[in-house]
């Protein structure tokens, strides 16, 4: 899915809670690929960490696992229908429920990871159907076809947005000329606000919610722009041009110390923007085209940005303040990245999972293993929760013990 997206804040950042809400979501507690686990293995056996369980009948797709309480959730597409799966922590299937038509065209399968907030599951299909269900039994609470309801077009490789909630507002990028981005009531699916933004199509992006100078901003990409909206009202505050060849901007923006970093593929690369004191404007600080990442995400660690480049198929370390390349290495195939307990976890599209230590001048490859189950592309992002590593490969979910 290197042609589609499957892909924050520092102030008030706490593990597992976003502005007071218990949440399990895309790329960890704060949507930045940083997981709070400690006491994790610093090296693995030659064959990899211990495989606790696996399930190989998910159907097609690239959704990661979402873990909440004593349950593991993910989705899969089987014969054109999307299914929501719930497992206990030992891998026993608790239930499997269809939620509607799923994406079966180019790169078929589910796209988005379920979002679990306060006992409810929210998921968005590749066809634009937004569903809210009970996390306990999967019972339907409400559903909205956002493309039909708000007159938005689907895009070349299907909707891949990973949903975001703040308070009672559930945000969704519809991509319509008038209803470009909407906020819906998380309990009913009713409209709270709508924004025309710049009227561009959606761009596979999963948005970020940031707090800057006491004000909440929703930051996302549409086809040719980076957008900053007032999260309370939907008013467009600022925008920055960020076009690329296929209008694919799958990586979630990241906020740190008054700055926002965004990266796109197809030669566009990354840009660091500085917010004005009140957040009403942004200034470009630097651009870097070496770390040219389409959908593998990146992580921020010790003043550096880590991620893979699509064109050169290398992994890069970039200085946050200057945008200068610190080093690069073809440590594994291009892919996605997360971090926990001072280590980097890389999942290459070649099917290799790598445990690495970021050094001053290079990546130190500590351990690795080949994913043993599943079919098709290795595009689902890794997940770490309570000393376990969750790896999705097409129709298979594998769970490894990485605790010391």
Protein backbone atom coordinates (compact mmCIF):
# COMPACT_ATOMS: atom_id res chain seq x y z
CA UNK A 1 0.00 0.00 0.00
CA UNK A 2 2.86 2.35 -0.68
CA UNK A 3 0.39 4.14 -2.93
CA UNK A 4 -2.22 4.64 -0.24
CA UNK A 5 -2.50 5.70 3.33
CA UNK A 6 -3.38 3.52 5.90
CA UNK A 7 -1.22 6.65 8.29
CA UNK A 8 0.07 14.74 19.01
CA UNK A 9 0.92 16.94 20.94
CA UNK A 10 3.48 17.64 23.72
CA UNK A 11 1.50 19.90 26.01
CA UNK A 12 -0.92 17.95 28.22
CA UNK A 13 0.45 14.66 26.81
CA UNK A 14 -0.17 11.63 29.01
CA UNK A 15 -0.03 7.94 28.10
CA UNK A 16 -3.36 6.32 27.32
CA UNK A 17 -5.47 9.44 27.87
CA UNK A 18 -6.19 12.23 25.39
CA UNK A 19 -7.64 15.29 27.10
CA UNK A 20 -9.25 13.13 29.78
CA UNK A 21 -10.54 10.22 27.67
CA UNK A 22 -9.53 6.56 27.92
CA UNK A 23 -8.63 5.58 24.38
CA UNK A 24 -7.11 2.87 22.18
CA UNK A 25 -6.27 4.10 18.71
CA UNK A 26 -4.05 4.34 15.65
CA UNK A 27 -0.29 4.42 16.42
CA UNK A 28 -0.60 4.50 20.18
CA UNK A 29 -2.02 6.68 22.94
CA UNK A 30 -1.08 9.94 21.23
CA UNK A 31 -1.10 8.86 17.56
CA UNK A 32 2.66 9.40 17.28
CA UNK A 33 4.04 5.85 17.27
CA UNK A 34 5.40 6.27 20.81
CA UNK A 35 4.24 3.48 23.14
CA UNK A 36 4.51 3.74 26.94
CA UNK A 37 5.75 0.20 27.66
CA UNK A 38 8.85 -0.33 29.82
CA UNK A 39 10.72 -3.44 30.93
CA UNK A 40 10.85 -4.72 27.36
CA UNK A 41 13.43 -7.07 25.92
CA UNK A 42 16.57 -5.35 24.64
CA UNK A 43 17.34 -8.26 22.33
CA UNK A 44 15.43 -11.25 20.96
CA UNK A 45 16.35 -14.89 20.40
CA UNK A 46 17.60 -15.68 16.92
CA UNK A 47 14.16 -16.98 15.91
CA UNK A 48 12.45 -13.90 17.35
CA UNK A 49 10.48 -13.33 20.56
CA UNK A 50 8.06 -15.97 21.81
CA UNK A 51 4.90 -16.24 19.71
CA UNK A 52 1.98 -16.34 22.15
CA UNK A 53 -0.82 -16.82 19.62
CA UNK A 54 -1.90 -16.11 16.10
CA UNK A 55 -5.16 -16.01 14.13
CA UNK A 56 -5.11 -16.55 10.38
CA UNK A 57 -8.68 -15.98 9.21
CA UNK A 58 -9.06 -12.21 9.30
CA UNK A 59 -9.54 -11.80 5.57
CA UNK A 60 -7.77 -9.12 3.56
CA UNK A 61 -6.57 -5.84 4.98
CA UNK A 62 -4.04 -3.67 6.70
CA UNK A 63 -5.71 -2.59 9.96
CA UNK A 64 -3.59 -2.81 13.08
CA UNK A 65 -4.81 -4.23 16.39
CA UNK A 66 -6.47 -2.02 19.00
CA UNK A 67 -6.32 -3.28 22.59
CA UNK A 68 -8.71 -2.08 25.28
CA UNK A 69 -9.31 -3.74 28.64
CA UNK A 70 -9.27 -7.50 28.13
CA UNK A 71 -10.05 -7.39 24.42
CA UNK A 72 -8.17 -7.14 21.14
CA UNK A 73 -10.00 -5.67 18.13
CA UNK A 74 -9.23 -5.52 14.44
CA UNK A 75 -11.02 -5.72 11.09
CA UNK A 76 -10.82 -7.74 7.87
CA UNK A 77 -12.52 -7.99 4.47
CA UNK A 78 -13.99 -11.35 3.39
CA UNK A 79 -15.82 -11.66 0.06
CA UNK A 80 -16.39 -7.93 -0.15
CA UNK A 81 -17.78 -7.55 3.39
CA UNK A 82 -15.96 -5.91 6.30
CA UNK A 83 -15.89 -7.74 9.63
CA UNK A 84 -15.05 -6.51 13.10
CA UNK A 85 -13.23 -9.11 15.23
CA UNK A 86 -12.92 -9.26 19.02
CA UNK A 87 -10.46 -11.59 20.79
CA UNK A 88 -9.59 -12.12 24.41
CA UNK A 89 -5.96 -11.58 25.41
CA UNK A 90 -5.18 -15.29 24.89
CA UNK A 91 -6.34 -15.16 21.27
CA UNK A 92 -9.76 -16.77 21.67
CA UNK A 93 -12.25 -15.32 19.19
CA UNK A 94 -15.08 -13.74 21.20
CA UNK A 95 -17.13 -12.51 18.24
CA UNK A 96 -17.00 -11.59 14.58
CA UNK A 97 -19.58 -9.12 13.22
CA UNK A 98 -20.10 -7.80 9.66
CA UNK A 99 -20.35 -4.03 9.33
CA UNK A 100 -20.93 -3.58 5.60
CA UNK A 101 -19.31 -3.35 2.19
CA UNK A 102 -15.54 -2.97 2.13
CA UNK A 103 -12.91 -1.94 -0.40
CA UNK A 104 -12.17 -4.62 -3.04
CA UNK A 105 -10.50 -2.63 -5.81
CA UNK A 106 -6.78 -1.93 -6.14
CA UNK A 107 -4.97 -3.13 -3.00
CA UNK A 108 -8.17 -4.73 -1.59
CA UNK A 109 -8.95 -5.03 2.09
CA UNK A 110 -9.70 -3.01 5.20
CA UNK A 111 -7.74 0.17 5.69
CA UNK A 112 -8.41 1.73 9.09
CA UNK A 113 -7.73 0.60 12.66
CA UNK A 114 -10.70 0.55 15.07
CA UNK A 115 -10.89 3.39 17.60
CA UNK A 116 -12.08 2.46 21.10
CA UNK A 117 -13.24 5.21 23.43
CA UNK A 118 -15.20 4.79 26.68
CA UNK A 119 -16.68 1.40 25.82
CA UNK A 120 -17.54 2.17 22.20
CA UNK A 121 -15.84 1.10 18.96
CA UNK A 122 -15.67 3.49 16.02
CA UNK A 123 -14.54 2.37 12.58
CA UNK A 124 -14.54 3.84 9.09
CA UNK A 125 -14.71 1.58 6.05
CA UNK A 126 -12.82 2.12 2.81
CA UNK A 127 -16.22 2.95 1.29
CA UNK A 128 -16.89 5.78 3.76
CA UNK A 129 -19.29 4.03 6.14
CA UNK A 130 -18.77 5.20 9.72
CA UNK A 131 -19.95 2.75 12.38
CA UNK A 132 -20.25 2.97 16.17
CA UNK A 133 -20.67 -0.30 18.11
CA UNK A 134 -20.55 -1.51 21.68
CA UNK A 135 -17.07 -2.72 22.68
CA UNK A 136 -18.57 -5.47 24.85
CA UNK A 137 -20.75 -7.32 22.37
CA UNK A 138 -20.42 -5.40 19.11
CA UNK A 139 -24.04 -4.24 19.13
CA UNK A 140 -24.75 -1.45 16.65
CA UNK A 141 -25.25 1.99 18.24
CA UNK A 142 -25.32 4.20 15.13
CA UNK A 143 -23.98 4.40 11.61
CA UNK A 144 -23.54 7.13 8.98
CA UNK A 145 -22.46 6.88 5.34
CA UNK A 146 -20.35 10.04 5.48
CA UNK A 147 -19.66 10.23 1.74
CA UNK A 148 -23.37 10.00 0.91
CA UNK A 149 -24.60 12.15 3.79
CA UNK A 150 -22.08 14.94 3.28
CA UNK A 151 -21.54 14.69 -0.48
CA UNK A 152 -17.90 13.61 -0.52
CA UNK A 153 -16.13 11.64 -3.26
CA UNK A 154 -14.26 8.45 -2.54
CA UNK A 155 -10.63 8.54 -3.60
CA UNK A 156 -8.38 6.42 -5.79
CA UNK A 157 -7.42 3.82 -3.16
CA UNK A 158 -10.35 4.15 -0.78
CA UNK A 159 -10.83 6.05 2.46
CA UNK A 160 -8.07 5.17 4.94
CA UNK A 161 -8.55 7.74 7.69
CA UNK A 162 -8.02 6.51 11.25
CA UNK A 163 -10.67 8.30 13.27
CA UNK A 164 -9.97 10.83 16.02
CA UNK A 165 -12.14 11.88 18.99
CA UNK A 166 -11.96 14.83 21.37
CA UNK A 167 -14.62 15.13 24.05
CA UNK A 168 -17.91 14.40 22.31
CA UNK A 169 -16.57 15.31 18.85
CA UNK A 170 -15.61 12.64 16.31
CA UNK A 171 -13.67 14.14 13.39
CA UNK A 172 -13.85 12.87 9.82
CA UNK A 173 -12.40 14.23 6.55
CA UNK A 174 -15.19 13.78 4.00
CA UNK A 175 -13.37 15.66 1.22
CA UNK A 176 -16.40 17.45 -0.22
CA UNK A 177 -16.38 20.97 -1.65
CA UNK A 178 -18.76 22.23 1.05
CA UNK A 179 -18.58 19.54 3.72
CA UNK A 180 -14.84 19.00 3.65
CA UNK A 181 -14.22 18.12 7.29
CA UNK A 182 -16.96 17.36 9.81
CA UNK A 183 -17.25 16.87 13.56
CA UNK A 184 -19.98 14.45 14.62
CA UNK A 185 -21.42 13.73 18.04
CA UNK A 186 -19.69 10.53 19.18
CA UNK A 187 -22.86 9.29 20.93
CA UNK A 188 -25.35 9.83 18.11
CA UNK A 189 -23.46 10.49 14.86
CA UNK A 190 -25.26 13.83 14.49
CA UNK A 191 -23.44 16.81 12.98
CA UNK A 192 -21.78 19.26 15.38
CA UNK A 193 -19.92 21.37 12.83
CA UNK A 194 -18.82 21.28 9.23
CA UNK A 195 -15.95 23.07 7.50
CA UNK A 196 -15.40 23.71 3.81
CA UNK A 197 -11.66 24.06 4.57
CA UNK A 198 -10.08 24.38 1.10
CA UNK A 199 -12.61 22.13 -0.63
CA UNK A 200 -9.97 19.55 -1.59
CA UNK A 201 -10.45 15.78 -1.68
CA UNK A 202 -9.33 13.78 1.34
CA UNK A 203 -5.78 12.46 1.18
CA UNK A 204 -5.58 9.22 3.24
CA UNK A 205 -4.48 11.22 6.29
CA UNK A 206 -5.28 10.44 9.91
CA UNK A 207 -5.45 13.83 11.68
CA UNK A 208 -3.77 15.07 14.83
CA UNK A 209 -5.24 17.05 17.71
CA UNK A 210 -2.80 19.49 19.27
CA UNK A 211 -2.91 21.93 22.15
CA UNK A 212 -1.02 25.16 21.54
CA UNK A 213 -1.18 28.16 23.87
CA UNK A 214 -4.33 26.80 25.49
CA UNK A 215 -6.12 26.31 22.18
CA UNK A 216 -7.02 23.06 20.42
CA UNK A 217 -6.22 22.62 16.73
CA UNK A 218 -7.15 19.84 14.33
CA UNK A 219 -4.24 19.35 11.90
CA UNK A 220 -4.53 17.21 8.78
CA UNK A 221 -3.71 16.93 5.08
CA UNK A 222 -6.10 17.19 2.18
CA UNK A 223 -5.14 16.63 -1.48
CA UNK A 224 -2.78 19.57 -1.80
CA UNK A 225 -2.59 21.21 1.61
CA UNK A 226 -1.73 20.95 5.27
CA UNK A 227 -4.63 22.41 7.27
CA UNK A 228 -4.95 23.84 10.76
CA UNK A 229 -8.55 24.13 12.00
CA UNK A 230 -10.04 25.37 15.25
CA UNK A 231 -11.10 22.05 16.80
CA UNK A 232 -14.03 23.64 18.62
CA UNK A 233 -15.66 25.37 15.63
CA UNK A 234 -14.11 23.89 12.47
CA UNK A 235 -12.94 27.30 11.26
CA UNK A 236 -9.89 27.10 8.98
CA UNK A 237 -7.11 29.03 10.70
CA UNK A 238 -4.19 28.47 8.32
CA UNK A 239 -3.06 26.26 5.44
CA UNK A 240 0.23 25.38 3.74
CA UNK A 241 0.57 24.04 0.20
CA UNK A 242 1.82 20.43 0.17
CA UNK A 243 0.93 18.80 -3.15
CA UNK A 244 2.46 15.61 -4.50
CA UNK A 245 2.02 13.36 -7.53
CA UNK A 246 -0.91 11.24 -6.32
CA UNK A 247 -2.37 13.46 -3.54
CA UNK A 248 -1.35 10.85 -0.97
CA UNK A 249 -0.52 12.24 2.47
CA UNK A 250 -0.99 9.28 4.77
CA UNK A 251 1.17 10.21 7.76
CA UNK A 252 -0.25 11.84 10.87
CA UNK A 253 1.18 15.32 11.62
CA UNK A 254 3.25 15.64 14.80
CA UNK A 255 3.45 18.55 17.25
CA UNK A 256 6.36 19.37 19.54
CA UNK A 257 7.44 22.57 21.27
CA UNK A 258 5.37 24.95 19.13
CA UNK A 259 6.25 23.23 15.85
CA UNK A 260 4.44 20.81 13.52
CA UNK A 261 6.21 18.24 11.33
CA UNK A 262 4.44 16.75 8.30
CA UNK A 263 5.87 14.32 5.74
CA UNK A 264 4.55 13.07 2.40
CA UNK A 265 5.87 10.67 -0.23
CA UNK A 266 6.43 10.78 -3.99
CA UNK A 267 9.44 13.07 -3.64
CA UNK A 268 7.73 15.70 -1.48
CA UNK A 269 9.40 14.86 1.81
CA UNK A 270 8.91 16.60 5.14
CA UNK A 271 8.38 20.15 6.36
CA UNK A 272 8.71 21.70 9.81
CA UNK A 273 6.28 24.54 10.54
CA UNK A 274 6.52 26.96 13.46
CA UNK A 275 3.24 28.12 14.96
CA UNK A 276 2.83 31.76 15.94
CA UNK A 277 2.34 32.31 19.69
CA UNK A 278 -1.46 32.27 19.36
CA UNK A 279 -1.50 29.60 16.63
CA UNK A 280 -3.13 31.87 14.06
CA UNK A 281 -0.29 31.46 11.53
CA UNK A 282 2.61 29.15 10.65
CA UNK A 283 6.07 29.76 9.24
CA UNK A 284 8.10 27.21 7.29
CA UNK A 285 11.40 26.48 9.07
CA UNK A 286 12.90 23.78 6.85
CA UNK A 287 12.16 21.10 4.26
CA UNK A 288 13.84 17.72 3.86
CA UNK A 289 13.25 15.42 0.88
CA UNK A 290 15.54 12.56 2.02
CA UNK A 291 13.02 11.10 4.46
CA UNK A 292 10.36 10.76 1.76
CA UNK A 293 7.80 8.62 3.56
CA UNK A 294 4.41 7.78 2.05
CA UNK A 295 2.62 5.80 4.77
CA UNK A 296 5.05 4.20 7.22
CA UNK A 297 4.88 6.92 9.83
CA UNK A 298 7.85 8.24 11.77
CA UNK A 299 8.85 8.70 15.40
CA UNK A 300 10.37 11.59 17.31
CA UNK A 301 13.02 10.63 19.83
CA UNK A 302 15.78 12.60 21.57
CA UNK A 303 15.53 15.56 19.20
CA UNK A 304 15.56 13.42 16.06
CA UNK A 305 13.05 12.11 13.54
CA UNK A 306 13.29 8.46 12.45
CA UNK A 307 11.56 6.89 9.46
CA UNK A 308 12.00 5.20 6.11
CA UNK A 309 12.39 6.76 2.70
CA UNK A 310 10.35 5.33 -0.14
CA UNK A 311 12.51 6.15 -3.16
CA UNK A 312 15.90 5.06 -1.81
CA UNK A 313 14.44 2.31 0.39
CA UNK A 314 16.63 3.47 3.28
CA UNK A 315 15.96 4.49 6.88
CA UNK A 316 16.89 8.01 7.95
CA UNK A 317 17.64 9.95 11.10
CA UNK A 318 16.90 13.67 10.67
CA UNK A 319 17.68 16.46 13.12
CA UNK A 320 14.45 18.08 14.39
CA UNK A 321 15.79 21.63 14.63
CA UNK A 322 17.65 21.85 11.33
CA UNK A 323 16.18 19.19 9.04
CA UNK A 324 19.72 17.93 8.32
CA UNK A 325 20.23 14.21 7.68
CA UNK A 326 22.20 12.77 10.58
CA UNK A 327 22.61 9.31 9.04
CA UNK A 328 20.84 6.67 6.95
CA UNK A 329 21.02 2.90 6.50
CA UNK A 330 19.26 0.15 4.55
CA UNK A 331 18.70 -1.70 7.81
CA UNK A 332 15.64 -3.48 6.38
CA UNK A 333 13.03 -2.91 3.66
CA UNK A 334 11.10 0.34 3.72
CA UNK A 335 8.21 0.13 6.15
CA UNK A 336 6.59 1.44 9.32
CA UNK A 337 8.14 2.36 12.65
CA UNK A 338 7.18 2.69 16.30
CA UNK A 339 9.19 3.12 19.50
CA UNK A 340 9.03 1.98 23.13
CA UNK A 341 11.43 1.81 26.05
CA UNK A 342 14.26 3.51 24.16
CA UNK A 343 14.20 1.09 21.21
CA UNK A 344 13.00 1.34 17.60
CA UNK A 345 10.70 -1.31 16.12
CA UNK A 346 10.77 -1.44 12.31
CA UNK A 347 8.43 -3.51 10.15
CA UNK A 348 9.76 -3.74 6.61
CA UNK A 349 7.60 -4.45 3.61
CA UNK A 350 9.97 -7.39 3.06
CA UNK A 351 8.33 -9.08 6.06
CA UNK A 352 11.17 -8.49 8.52
CA UNK A 353 10.55 -7.09 12.00
CA UNK A 354 13.66 -5.39 13.40
CA UNK A 355 14.60 -4.28 16.90
CA UNK A 356 17.08 -1.42 16.61
CA UNK A 357 18.88 1.04 18.87
CA UNK A 358 19.33 4.59 17.57
CA UNK A 359 22.98 5.54 17.86
CA UNK A 360 24.76 8.86 17.44
CA UNK A 361 25.94 8.01 13.94
CA UNK A 362 24.01 4.92 12.84
CA UNK A 363 21.19 2.47 13.44
CA UNK A 364 22.29 -0.49 15.54
CA UNK A 365 20.39 -3.57 14.39
CA UNK A 366 20.02 -5.67 17.53
CA UNK A 367 17.61 -8.46 16.52
CA UNK A 368 15.15 -9.41 13.80
CA UNK A 369 12.77 -12.11 12.62
CA UNK A 370 10.69 -12.89 9.55
CA UNK A 371 6.91 -12.79 9.93
CA UNK A 372 5.78 -16.44 9.67
CA UNK A 373 2.08 -16.12 8.85
CA UNK A 374 -0.20 -14.15 6.57
CA UNK A 375 -0.44 -13.18 2.94
CA UNK A 376 -0.02 -10.14 0.66
CA UNK A 377 1.55 -6.86 1.77
CA UNK A 378 3.24 -6.10 5.09
CA UNK A 379 1.58 -2.72 5.56
CA UNK A 380 -0.22 -2.80 8.92
CA UNK A 381 1.58 -0.78 11.58
CA UNK A 382 3.06 -2.49 14.62
CA UNK A 383 1.44 -2.16 18.06
CA UNK A 384 2.89 -2.61 21.56
CA UNK A 385 0.65 -3.11 24.58
CA UNK A 386 1.49 -4.49 28.04
CA UNK A 387 4.69 -6.20 26.97
CA UNK A 388 3.25 -7.67 23.79
CA UNK A 389 4.03 -6.92 20.16
CA UNK A 390 1.08 -7.17 17.75
CA UNK A 391 1.99 -7.83 14.11
CA UNK A 392 -0.63 -7.89 11.32
CA UNK A 393 0.17 -9.43 7.93
CA UNK A 394 -2.85 -9.54 5.66
CA UNK A 395 -5.18 -12.24 6.97
CA UNK A 396 -3.04 -13.04 10.05
CA UNK A 397 -2.57 -11.40 13.43
CA UNK A 398 0.43 -12.52 15.50
CA UNK A 399 1.09 -11.65 19.14
CA UNK A 400 4.60 -11.89 20.64
CA UNK A 401 5.87 -11.67 24.20
CA UNK A 402 8.54 -8.94 24.34
CA UNK A 403 8.56 -8.42 28.11
CA UNK A 404 11.68 -9.12 30.14
